[in-house]
Amino acid sequence: MKNFGLFILGVVLGALVVYFYCCNDFGVTDPPEVLEPKGLITPKEAMVLDEAYNLRYNIINDSLFKNSETGDNRSSWWSIENIKNYIDYAENQAGELGYTLDGLRLYLGAHPDVEGETGLTTLFFIPTGTKNTSQGSLLPMPQGGSGDIPGGNGLNFGQSGVPPDANYPQ
């Protein structure tokens, strides 16, 4: 009987070891599914958009930047880390302002003229979202773009193209 009890204990312990060894993924998880965002364009489509902008760019450049060595800016660049940090920041600030962040709007702008130099065109992000309310609703919220969050800080000062007037691709 004593040997039989030890045998059962050994089988149970062995089964537990096999279970934890075989059935544990040891922290290895499947990579998250990568979803294709809406609005993707091909490099060829980007080229069409860039070329279609040439007329507008030339009008701006020829009138405002005729004496400039570089011409106006055509692009802005931000690091992925900076954009992720901005999204985290904007989401937190939106919550503090009583909103739920649901997107970012990209605006065209221009830096002010300084010391006789015309300010270059820039792009900047502004957070968008919906006002938090405590009232429930059975009606679905319309999809599309939400309004800018009043008081939400934007993200600007991306790096200009090299050179600033360079077309796509750089």
N, C-alpha and C. Protein backbone atom coordinates (compact mmCIF):
# COMPACT_ATOMS: atom_id res chain seq x y z
N MET A 1 0.81 -1.18 0.00
CA MET A 1 0.00 0.00 0.00
C MET A 1 0.86 1.26 0.00
N LYS A 2 1.96 1.20 0.79
CA LYS A 2 2.83 2.35 0.86
C LYS A 2 3.44 2.64 -0.51
N ASN A 3 3.86 1.61 -1.22
CA ASN A 3 4.44 1.79 -2.55
C ASN A 3 3.39 2.28 -3.54
N PHE A 4 2.17 1.81 -3.39
CA PHE A 4 1.11 2.25 -4.29
C PHE A 4 0.81 3.74 -4.10
N GLY A 5 0.82 4.24 -2.86
CA GLY A 5 0.60 5.66 -2.56
C GLY A 5 1.72 6.51 -3.16
N LEU A 6 2.97 6.04 -3.05
CA LEU A 6 4.10 6.75 -3.66
C LEU A 6 3.98 6.73 -5.18
N PHE A 7 3.50 5.63 -5.72
CA PHE A 7 3.32 5.53 -7.16
C PHE A 7 2.29 6.56 -7.65
N ILE A 8 1.16 6.65 -6.95
CA ILE A 8 0.11 7.61 -7.31
C ILE A 8 0.66 9.05 -7.19
N LEU A 9 1.39 9.33 -6.09
CA LEU A 9 1.97 10.65 -5.90
C LEU A 9 2.94 10.96 -7.04
N GLY A 10 3.74 9.99 -7.45
CA GLY A 10 4.69 10.18 -8.55
C GLY A 10 3.97 10.45 -9.86
N VAL A 11 2.87 9.72 -10.11
CA VAL A 11 2.10 9.93 -11.34
C VAL A 11 1.50 11.33 -11.35
N VAL A 12 0.94 11.77 -10.22
CA VAL A 12 0.33 13.09 -10.14
C VAL A 12 1.40 14.17 -10.34
N LEU A 13 2.53 14.05 -9.65
CA LEU A 13 3.61 15.03 -9.82
C LEU A 13 4.14 15.02 -11.26
N GLY A 14 4.29 13.84 -11.83
CA GLY A 14 4.76 13.73 -13.22
C GLY A 14 3.76 14.38 -14.18
N ALA A 15 2.49 14.16 -13.94
CA ALA A 15 1.46 14.76 -14.80
C ALA A 15 1.49 16.28 -14.70
N LEU A 16 1.68 16.79 -13.48
CA LEU A 16 1.77 18.24 -13.31
C LEU A 16 2.98 18.82 -14.02
N VAL A 17 4.13 18.15 -13.93
CA VAL A 17 5.34 18.63 -14.61
C VAL A 17 5.11 18.63 -16.12
N VAL A 18 4.55 17.55 -16.66
CA VAL A 18 4.29 17.48 -18.10
C VAL A 18 3.29 18.55 -18.51
N TYR A 19 2.25 18.76 -17.69
CA TYR A 19 1.26 19.78 -18.01
C TYR A 19 1.90 21.16 -18.09
N PHE A 20 2.65 21.53 -17.06
CA PHE A 20 3.27 22.86 -17.05
C PHE A 20 4.34 22.99 -18.12
N TYR A 21 5.01 21.92 -18.45
CA TYR A 21 6.04 21.98 -19.48
C TYR A 21 5.42 22.07 -20.88
N CYS A 22 4.44 21.25 -21.14
CA CYS A 22 3.85 21.19 -22.48
C CYS A 22 2.79 22.26 -22.73
N CYS A 23 2.08 22.64 -21.72
CA CYS A 23 0.94 23.53 -21.93
C CYS A 23 1.24 24.99 -21.60
N ASN A 24 2.44 25.30 -21.16
CA ASN A 24 2.79 26.67 -20.85
C ASN A 24 3.57 27.25 -22.02
N ASP A 25 3.18 28.45 -22.44
CA ASP A 25 3.88 29.05 -23.57
C ASP A 25 5.09 29.86 -23.13
N PHE A 26 5.38 29.86 -21.82
CA PHE A 26 6.55 30.54 -21.26
C PHE A 26 6.64 31.99 -21.72
N GLY A 27 5.52 32.69 -21.72
CA GLY A 27 5.50 34.10 -22.07
C GLY A 27 5.49 34.38 -23.56
N VAL A 28 5.56 33.35 -24.39
CA VAL A 28 5.55 33.55 -25.83
C VAL A 28 4.10 33.69 -26.27
N THR A 29 3.80 34.78 -26.90
CA THR A 29 2.44 34.99 -27.39
C THR A 29 2.49 35.25 -28.88
N ASP A 30 1.37 35.02 -29.51
CA ASP A 30 1.28 35.32 -30.93
C ASP A 30 1.39 36.82 -31.13
N PRO A 31 2.04 37.26 -32.20
CA PRO A 31 2.11 38.70 -32.45
C PRO A 31 0.71 39.25 -32.71
N PRO A 32 0.48 40.51 -32.34
CA PRO A 32 -0.85 41.08 -32.58
C PRO A 32 -1.14 41.17 -34.08
N GLU A 33 -2.40 41.03 -34.40
CA GLU A 33 -2.81 41.12 -35.80
C GLU A 33 -2.60 42.56 -36.29
N VAL A 34 -1.97 42.70 -37.43
CA VAL A 34 -1.74 44.02 -38.01
C VAL A 34 -2.89 44.32 -38.96
N LEU A 35 -3.64 45.36 -38.62
CA LEU A 35 -4.80 45.72 -39.42
C LEU A 35 -4.40 46.77 -40.45
N GLU A 36 -4.90 46.63 -41.65
CA GLU A 36 -4.64 47.60 -42.70
C GLU A 36 -5.51 48.82 -42.46
N PRO A 37 -4.88 50.00 -42.31
CA PRO A 37 -5.70 51.19 -42.07
C PRO A 37 -6.46 51.62 -43.32
N LYS A 38 -7.56 52.32 -43.09
CA LYS A 38 -8.34 52.85 -44.20
C LYS A 38 -7.56 53.99 -44.83
N GLY A 39 -7.67 54.15 -46.13
CA GLY A 39 -7.06 55.27 -46.81
C GLY A 39 -5.64 55.04 -47.30
N LEU A 40 -5.15 53.80 -47.26
CA LEU A 40 -3.80 53.55 -47.76
C LEU A 40 -3.72 53.91 -49.24
N ILE A 41 -2.57 54.45 -49.63
CA ILE A 41 -2.33 54.73 -51.05
C ILE A 41 -0.99 54.11 -51.44
N THR A 42 -0.86 53.80 -52.69
CA THR A 42 0.38 53.23 -53.21
C THR A 42 1.38 54.35 -53.48
N PRO A 43 2.65 54.00 -53.61
CA PRO A 43 3.63 55.03 -54.00
C PRO A 43 3.26 55.72 -55.31
N LYS A 44 2.67 54.99 -56.23
CA LYS A 44 2.26 55.59 -57.51
C LYS A 44 1.17 56.64 -57.27
N GLU A 45 0.20 56.32 -56.41
CA GLU A 45 -0.85 57.29 -56.08
C GLU A 45 -0.28 58.50 -55.35
N ALA A 46 0.71 58.28 -54.48
CA ALA A 46 1.37 59.39 -53.79
C ALA A 46 2.05 60.30 -54.80
N MET A 47 2.66 59.72 -55.81
CA MET A 47 3.31 60.49 -56.87
C MET A 47 2.29 61.37 -57.60
N VAL A 48 1.11 60.84 -57.88
CA VAL A 48 0.05 61.61 -58.56
C VAL A 48 -0.36 62.80 -57.69
N LEU A 49 -0.55 62.55 -56.39
CA LEU A 49 -0.93 63.64 -55.49
C LEU A 49 0.16 64.71 -55.43
N ASP A 50 1.40 64.27 -55.33
CA ASP A 50 2.53 65.20 -55.27
C ASP A 50 2.62 66.04 -56.54
N GLU A 51 2.47 65.40 -57.68
CA GLU A 51 2.55 66.12 -58.96
C GLU A 51 1.37 67.08 -59.13
N ALA A 52 0.20 66.70 -58.64
CA ALA A 52 -0.97 67.57 -58.73
C ALA A 52 -0.80 68.82 -57.88
N TYR A 53 0.04 68.75 -56.85
CA TYR A 53 0.29 69.89 -55.98
C TYR A 53 1.28 70.87 -56.61
N ASN A 54 2.02 70.44 -57.62
CA ASN A 54 3.06 71.29 -58.22
C ASN A 54 2.55 72.66 -58.65
N LEU A 55 1.39 72.75 -59.27
CA LEU A 55 0.86 74.04 -59.72
C LEU A 55 0.67 74.97 -58.53
N ARG A 56 0.04 74.48 -57.46
CA ARG A 56 -0.15 75.31 -56.27
C ARG A 56 1.19 75.72 -55.67
N TYR A 57 2.09 74.76 -55.60
CA TYR A 57 3.41 75.04 -55.03
C TYR A 57 4.12 76.12 -55.84
N ASN A 58 4.07 76.01 -57.15
CA ASN A 58 4.75 76.99 -58.01
C ASN A 58 4.15 78.39 -57.86
N ILE A 59 2.83 78.47 -57.72
CA ILE A 59 2.19 79.77 -57.52
C ILE A 59 2.66 80.39 -56.21
N ILE A 60 2.66 79.61 -55.15
CA ILE A 60 3.12 80.09 -53.84
C ILE A 60 4.59 80.44 -53.90
N ASN A 61 5.38 79.55 -54.46
CA ASN A 61 6.83 79.73 -54.49
C ASN A 61 7.23 80.94 -55.35
N ASP A 62 6.61 81.08 -56.52
CA ASP A 62 6.96 82.18 -57.42
C ASP A 62 6.54 83.54 -56.87
N SER A 63 5.47 83.57 -56.07
CA SER A 63 5.02 84.86 -55.56
C SER A 63 5.66 85.21 -54.22
N LEU A 64 5.77 84.27 -53.32
CA LEU A 64 6.26 84.58 -51.98
C LEU A 64 7.74 84.28 -51.78
N PHE A 65 8.30 83.36 -52.54
CA PHE A 65 9.67 82.91 -52.29
C PHE A 65 10.60 83.16 -53.48
N LYS A 66 10.27 84.14 -54.30
CA LYS A 66 11.06 84.37 -55.51
C LYS A 66 12.51 84.73 -55.21
N ASN A 67 12.78 85.32 -54.04
CA ASN A 67 14.15 85.68 -53.68
C ASN A 67 14.78 84.69 -52.70
N SER A 68 14.10 83.59 -52.42
CA SER A 68 14.61 82.60 -51.47
C SER A 68 15.53 81.60 -52.15
N GLU A 69 16.54 81.15 -51.43
CA GLU A 69 17.46 80.15 -51.99
C GLU A 69 16.84 78.76 -52.03
N THR A 70 15.99 78.45 -51.08
CA THR A 70 15.46 77.09 -50.98
C THR A 70 14.05 76.93 -51.50
N GLY A 71 13.27 77.98 -51.53
CA GLY A 71 11.86 77.84 -51.86
C GLY A 71 11.08 77.42 -50.63
N ASP A 72 9.78 77.30 -50.80
CA ASP A 72 8.91 76.94 -49.68
C ASP A 72 9.07 75.47 -49.33
N ASN A 73 8.61 75.13 -48.16
CA ASN A 73 8.67 73.76 -47.67
C ASN A 73 7.54 72.94 -48.28
N ARG A 74 7.82 71.68 -48.64
CA ARG A 74 6.80 70.80 -49.23
C ARG A 74 6.44 69.63 -48.33
N SER A 75 7.18 69.42 -47.27
CA SER A 75 6.90 68.26 -46.43
C SER A 75 7.36 68.52 -45.00
N SER A 76 6.87 67.71 -44.09
CA SER A 76 7.32 67.71 -42.70
C SER A 76 7.53 66.27 -42.28
N TRP A 77 8.44 66.07 -41.33
CA TRP A 77 8.78 64.73 -40.86
C TRP A 77 8.81 64.72 -39.34
N TRP A 78 8.21 63.67 -38.75
CA TRP A 78 8.26 63.43 -37.31
C TRP A 78 8.70 62.00 -37.09
N SER A 79 9.42 61.75 -36.02
CA SER A 79 9.81 60.38 -35.68
C SER A 79 8.57 59.62 -35.18
N ILE A 80 8.58 58.33 -35.36
CA ILE A 80 7.48 57.48 -34.85
C ILE A 80 7.35 57.66 -33.34
N GLU A 81 8.50 57.69 -32.64
CA GLU A 81 8.47 57.85 -31.19
C GLU A 81 7.78 59.15 -30.79
N ASN A 82 8.07 60.25 -31.50
CA ASN A 82 7.46 61.53 -31.18
C ASN A 82 5.96 61.51 -31.45
N ILE A 83 5.55 60.87 -32.53
CA ILE A 83 4.11 60.79 -32.83
C ILE A 83 3.40 59.93 -31.78
N LYS A 84 3.99 58.80 -31.40
CA LYS A 84 3.37 57.96 -30.36
C LYS A 84 3.28 58.72 -29.04
N ASN A 85 4.35 59.44 -28.69
CA ASN A 85 4.32 60.24 -27.46
C ASN A 85 3.24 61.31 -27.54
N TYR A 86 3.09 61.93 -28.71
CA TYR A 86 2.06 62.95 -28.86
C TYR A 86 0.66 62.34 -28.72
N ILE A 87 0.44 61.17 -29.30
CA ILE A 87 -0.87 60.54 -29.19
C ILE A 87 -1.18 60.24 -27.73
N ASP A 88 -0.21 59.72 -26.99
CA ASP A 88 -0.41 59.46 -25.55
C ASP A 88 -0.72 60.77 -24.81
N TYR A 89 0.06 61.81 -25.11
CA TYR A 89 -0.14 63.11 -24.49
C TYR A 89 -1.53 63.66 -24.81
N ALA A 90 -1.91 63.63 -26.10
CA ALA A 90 -3.19 64.17 -26.53
C ALA A 90 -4.35 63.39 -25.91
N GLU A 91 -4.20 62.09 -25.81
CA GLU A 91 -5.25 61.28 -25.20
C GLU A 91 -5.44 61.65 -23.73
N ASN A 92 -4.34 61.85 -23.03
CA ASN A 92 -4.40 62.24 -21.63
C ASN A 92 -5.01 63.64 -21.48
N GLN A 93 -4.54 64.58 -22.31
CA GLN A 93 -5.06 65.94 -22.23
C GLN A 93 -6.55 65.99 -22.59
N ALA A 94 -6.95 65.21 -23.58
CA ALA A 94 -8.36 65.16 -23.96
C ALA A 94 -9.21 64.73 -22.77
N GLY A 95 -8.76 63.70 -22.07
CA GLY A 95 -9.48 63.24 -20.89
C GLY A 95 -9.60 64.33 -19.83
N GLU A 96 -8.49 65.07 -19.61
CA GLU A 96 -8.52 66.17 -18.65
C GLU A 96 -9.47 67.27 -19.07
N LEU A 97 -9.65 67.46 -20.38
CA LEU A 97 -10.55 68.49 -20.89
C LEU A 97 -11.99 67.99 -21.04
N GLY A 98 -12.24 66.71 -20.69
CA GLY A 98 -13.59 66.16 -20.76
C GLY A 98 -13.96 65.60 -22.12
N TYR A 99 -12.96 65.17 -22.89
CA TYR A 99 -13.18 64.63 -24.23
C TYR A 99 -12.57 63.24 -24.34
N THR A 100 -13.02 62.51 -25.35
CA THR A 100 -12.41 61.24 -25.72
C THR A 100 -11.72 61.44 -27.06
N LEU A 101 -10.41 61.28 -27.08
CA LEU A 101 -9.64 61.43 -28.32
C LEU A 101 -10.04 60.34 -29.29
N ASP A 102 -10.36 60.73 -30.53
CA ASP A 102 -10.70 59.71 -31.53
C ASP A 102 -9.96 59.91 -32.84
N GLY A 103 -9.11 60.93 -32.91
CA GLY A 103 -8.37 61.13 -34.14
C GLY A 103 -7.45 62.32 -34.06
N LEU A 104 -6.78 62.55 -35.16
CA LEU A 104 -5.90 63.72 -35.31
C LEU A 104 -6.22 64.36 -36.65
N ARG A 105 -6.28 65.67 -36.66
CA ARG A 105 -6.49 66.40 -37.91
C ARG A 105 -5.17 67.05 -38.27
N LEU A 106 -4.80 66.99 -39.54
CA LEU A 106 -3.56 67.58 -40.03
C LEU A 106 -3.91 68.86 -40.79
N TYR A 107 -3.34 69.97 -40.34
CA TYR A 107 -3.57 71.26 -40.97
C TYR A 107 -2.32 71.74 -41.69
N LEU A 108 -2.52 72.47 -42.78
CA LEU A 108 -1.45 73.23 -43.41
C LEU A 108 -1.38 74.59 -42.73
N GLY A 109 -0.16 75.07 -42.50
CA GLY A 109 0.02 76.38 -41.90
C GLY A 109 1.30 77.00 -42.44
N ALA A 110 1.65 78.14 -41.93
CA ALA A 110 2.91 78.80 -42.29
C ALA A 110 3.49 79.46 -41.06
N HIS A 111 4.79 79.32 -40.90
CA HIS A 111 5.46 80.02 -39.81
C HIS A 111 5.45 81.51 -40.11
N PRO A 112 5.43 82.33 -39.09
CA PRO A 112 5.43 83.78 -39.32
C PRO A 112 6.72 84.24 -40.00
N ASP A 113 6.61 85.35 -40.72
CA ASP A 113 7.80 85.95 -41.33
C ASP A 113 8.69 86.49 -40.22
N VAL A 114 10.00 86.26 -40.36
CA VAL A 114 10.95 86.72 -39.35
C VAL A 114 12.11 87.41 -40.05
N GLU A 115 12.39 88.64 -39.63
CA GLU A 115 13.53 89.41 -40.13
C GLU A 115 13.60 89.42 -41.66
N GLY A 116 12.47 89.70 -42.30
CA GLY A 116 12.44 89.82 -43.75
C GLY A 116 12.38 88.49 -44.49
N GLU A 117 12.47 87.37 -43.78
CA GLU A 117 12.38 86.04 -44.40
C GLU A 117 10.94 85.55 -44.30
N THR A 118 10.40 85.12 -45.42
CA THR A 118 9.03 84.58 -45.43
C THR A 118 9.03 83.24 -44.73
N GLY A 119 8.08 83.06 -43.81
CA GLY A 119 7.97 81.79 -43.08
C GLY A 119 7.58 80.64 -43.99
N LEU A 120 8.19 79.50 -43.77
CA LEU A 120 7.92 78.32 -44.59
C LEU A 120 6.59 77.68 -44.22
N THR A 121 6.02 76.99 -45.18
CA THR A 121 4.82 76.20 -44.95
C THR A 121 5.14 75.10 -43.94
N THR A 122 4.17 74.79 -43.10
CA THR A 122 4.33 73.71 -42.12
C THR A 122 3.05 72.90 -42.07
N LEU A 123 3.14 71.75 -41.46
CA LEU A 123 1.98 70.90 -41.18
C LEU A 123 1.92 70.73 -39.67
N PHE A 124 0.70 70.70 -39.11
CA PHE A 124 0.59 70.46 -37.68
C PHE A 124 -0.65 69.63 -37.38
N PHE A 125 -0.52 68.81 -36.34
CA PHE A 125 -1.59 67.94 -35.87
C PHE A 125 -2.40 68.66 -34.80
N ILE A 126 -3.70 68.45 -34.82
CA ILE A 126 -4.60 68.92 -33.77
C ILE A 126 -5.46 67.72 -33.35
N PRO A 127 -5.62 67.51 -32.03
CA PRO A 127 -6.43 66.37 -31.58
C PRO A 127 -7.92 66.61 -31.83
N THR A 128 -8.62 65.55 -32.18
CA THR A 128 -10.07 65.62 -32.36
C THR A 128 -10.73 64.61 -31.43
N GLY A 129 -11.98 64.88 -31.08
CA GLY A 129 -12.66 63.94 -30.20
C GLY A 129 -14.09 64.34 -29.94
N THR A 130 -14.69 63.58 -29.07
CA THR A 130 -16.08 63.81 -28.69
C THR A 130 -16.14 64.15 -27.21
N LYS A 131 -17.08 65.01 -26.87
CA LYS A 131 -17.28 65.43 -25.48
C LYS A 131 -17.80 64.24 -24.68
N ASN A 132 -17.21 64.03 -23.51
CA ASN A 132 -17.68 62.97 -22.62
C ASN A 132 -18.98 63.42 -21.97
N THR A 133 -19.99 62.57 -22.04
CA THR A 133 -21.26 62.87 -21.39
C THR A 133 -21.66 61.65 -20.58
N SER A 134 -22.42 61.89 -19.55
CA SER A 134 -22.86 60.79 -18.70
C SER A 134 -24.20 60.23 -19.15
N GLN A 135 -24.78 60.80 -20.18
CA GLN A 135 -26.07 60.34 -20.67
C GLN A 135 -25.86 59.25 -21.71
N GLY A 136 -26.61 58.17 -21.57
CA GLY A 136 -26.55 57.09 -22.56
C GLY A 136 -27.47 57.40 -23.72
N SER A 137 -27.24 56.72 -24.82
CA SER A 137 -28.07 56.94 -25.99
C SER A 137 -28.20 55.64 -26.76
N LEU A 138 -29.35 55.40 -27.30
CA LEU A 138 -29.55 54.22 -28.13
C LEU A 138 -29.20 54.50 -29.58
N LEU A 139 -29.02 55.79 -29.91
CA LEU A 139 -28.70 56.15 -31.28
C LEU A 139 -27.20 56.06 -31.49
N PRO A 140 -26.77 55.46 -32.60
CA PRO A 140 -25.34 55.38 -32.85
C PRO A 140 -24.75 56.75 -33.16
N MET A 141 -23.51 56.94 -32.75
CA MET A 141 -22.82 58.19 -33.06
C MET A 141 -22.42 58.17 -34.54
N PRO A 142 -22.56 59.29 -35.23
CA PRO A 142 -22.16 59.31 -36.63
C PRO A 142 -20.65 59.11 -36.75
N GLN A 143 -20.24 58.33 -37.74
CA GLN A 143 -18.82 58.11 -37.98
C GLN A 143 -18.32 59.15 -38.96
N GLY A 144 -17.04 59.39 -38.95
CA GLY A 144 -16.44 60.40 -39.81
C GLY A 144 -15.41 61.12 -38.99
N GLY A 145 -15.30 62.39 -39.14
CA GLY A 145 -14.34 63.14 -38.36
C GLY A 145 -15.03 63.90 -37.26
N SER A 146 -14.45 63.84 -36.08
CA SER A 146 -14.98 64.63 -34.98
C SER A 146 -14.38 66.02 -35.04
N GLY A 147 -14.91 66.89 -34.20
CA GLY A 147 -14.40 68.25 -34.16
C GLY A 147 -13.09 68.33 -33.40
N ASP A 148 -12.37 69.43 -33.62
CA ASP A 148 -11.15 69.69 -32.87
C ASP A 148 -11.51 69.82 -31.39
N ILE A 149 -10.61 69.36 -30.53
CA ILE A 149 -10.84 69.46 -29.09
C ILE A 149 -10.44 70.87 -28.64
N PRO A 150 -11.40 71.66 -28.15
CA PRO A 150 -11.06 73.02 -27.70
C PRO A 150 -10.02 72.97 -26.58
N GLY A 151 -8.97 73.73 -26.74
CA GLY A 151 -7.92 73.77 -25.73
C GLY A 151 -6.88 72.67 -25.87
N GLY A 152 -7.05 71.76 -26.85
CA GLY A 152 -6.08 70.68 -27.05
C GLY A 152 -4.83 71.19 -27.74
N ASN A 153 -3.67 70.83 -27.21
CA ASN A 153 -2.40 71.26 -27.81
C ASN A 153 -2.11 70.48 -29.08
N GLY A 154 -1.59 71.17 -30.08
CA GLY A 154 -1.22 70.54 -31.34
C GLY A 154 0.23 70.11 -31.36
N LEU A 155 0.63 69.43 -32.42
CA LEU A 155 2.02 69.02 -32.62
C LEU A 155 2.52 69.66 -33.91
N ASN A 156 3.60 70.43 -33.81
CA ASN A 156 4.20 71.10 -34.95
C ASN A 156 5.70 70.88 -34.88
N PHE A 157 6.41 71.57 -35.68
CA PHE A 157 7.86 71.56 -35.71
C PHE A 157 8.43 70.21 -36.12
N GLY A 158 7.81 69.60 -37.12
CA GLY A 158 8.45 68.47 -37.76
C GLY A 158 9.62 69.01 -38.58
N GLN A 159 10.50 68.14 -38.97
CA GLN A 159 11.64 68.59 -39.76
C GLN A 159 11.21 68.79 -41.20
N SER A 160 11.77 69.82 -41.82
CA SER A 160 11.47 70.11 -43.22
C SER A 160 12.10 69.07 -44.11
N GLY A 161 11.62 69.03 -45.35
CA GLY A 161 12.25 68.15 -46.33
C GLY A 161 13.68 68.59 -46.60
N VAL A 162 14.46 67.71 -47.20
CA VAL A 162 15.85 68.03 -47.51
C VAL A 162 16.04 67.92 -49.01
N PRO A 163 16.19 69.01 -49.72
CA PRO A 163 15.94 70.39 -49.30
C PRO A 163 14.45 70.62 -49.10
N PRO A 164 14.08 71.78 -48.52
CA PRO A 164 12.66 72.01 -48.23
C PRO A 164 11.74 71.88 -49.45
N ASP A 165 12.23 72.21 -50.63
CA ASP A 165 11.36 72.16 -51.81
C ASP A 165 11.40 70.82 -52.54
N ALA A 166 11.96 69.79 -51.91
CA ALA A 166 12.07 68.48 -52.56
C ALA A 166 10.70 67.83 -52.73
N ASN A 167 10.48 67.22 -53.90
CA ASN A 167 9.25 66.50 -54.19
C ASN A 167 9.31 65.10 -53.60
N TYR A 168 8.16 64.41 -53.65
CA TYR A 168 8.07 63.01 -53.28
C TYR A 168 8.68 62.16 -54.39
N PRO A 169 9.40 61.13 -54.12
CA PRO A 169 9.94 60.72 -52.82
C PRO A 169 11.27 61.41 -52.54
N GLN A 170 11.60 61.53 -51.28
CA GLN A 170 12.86 62.15 -50.88
C GLN A 170 13.88 61.08 -50.60
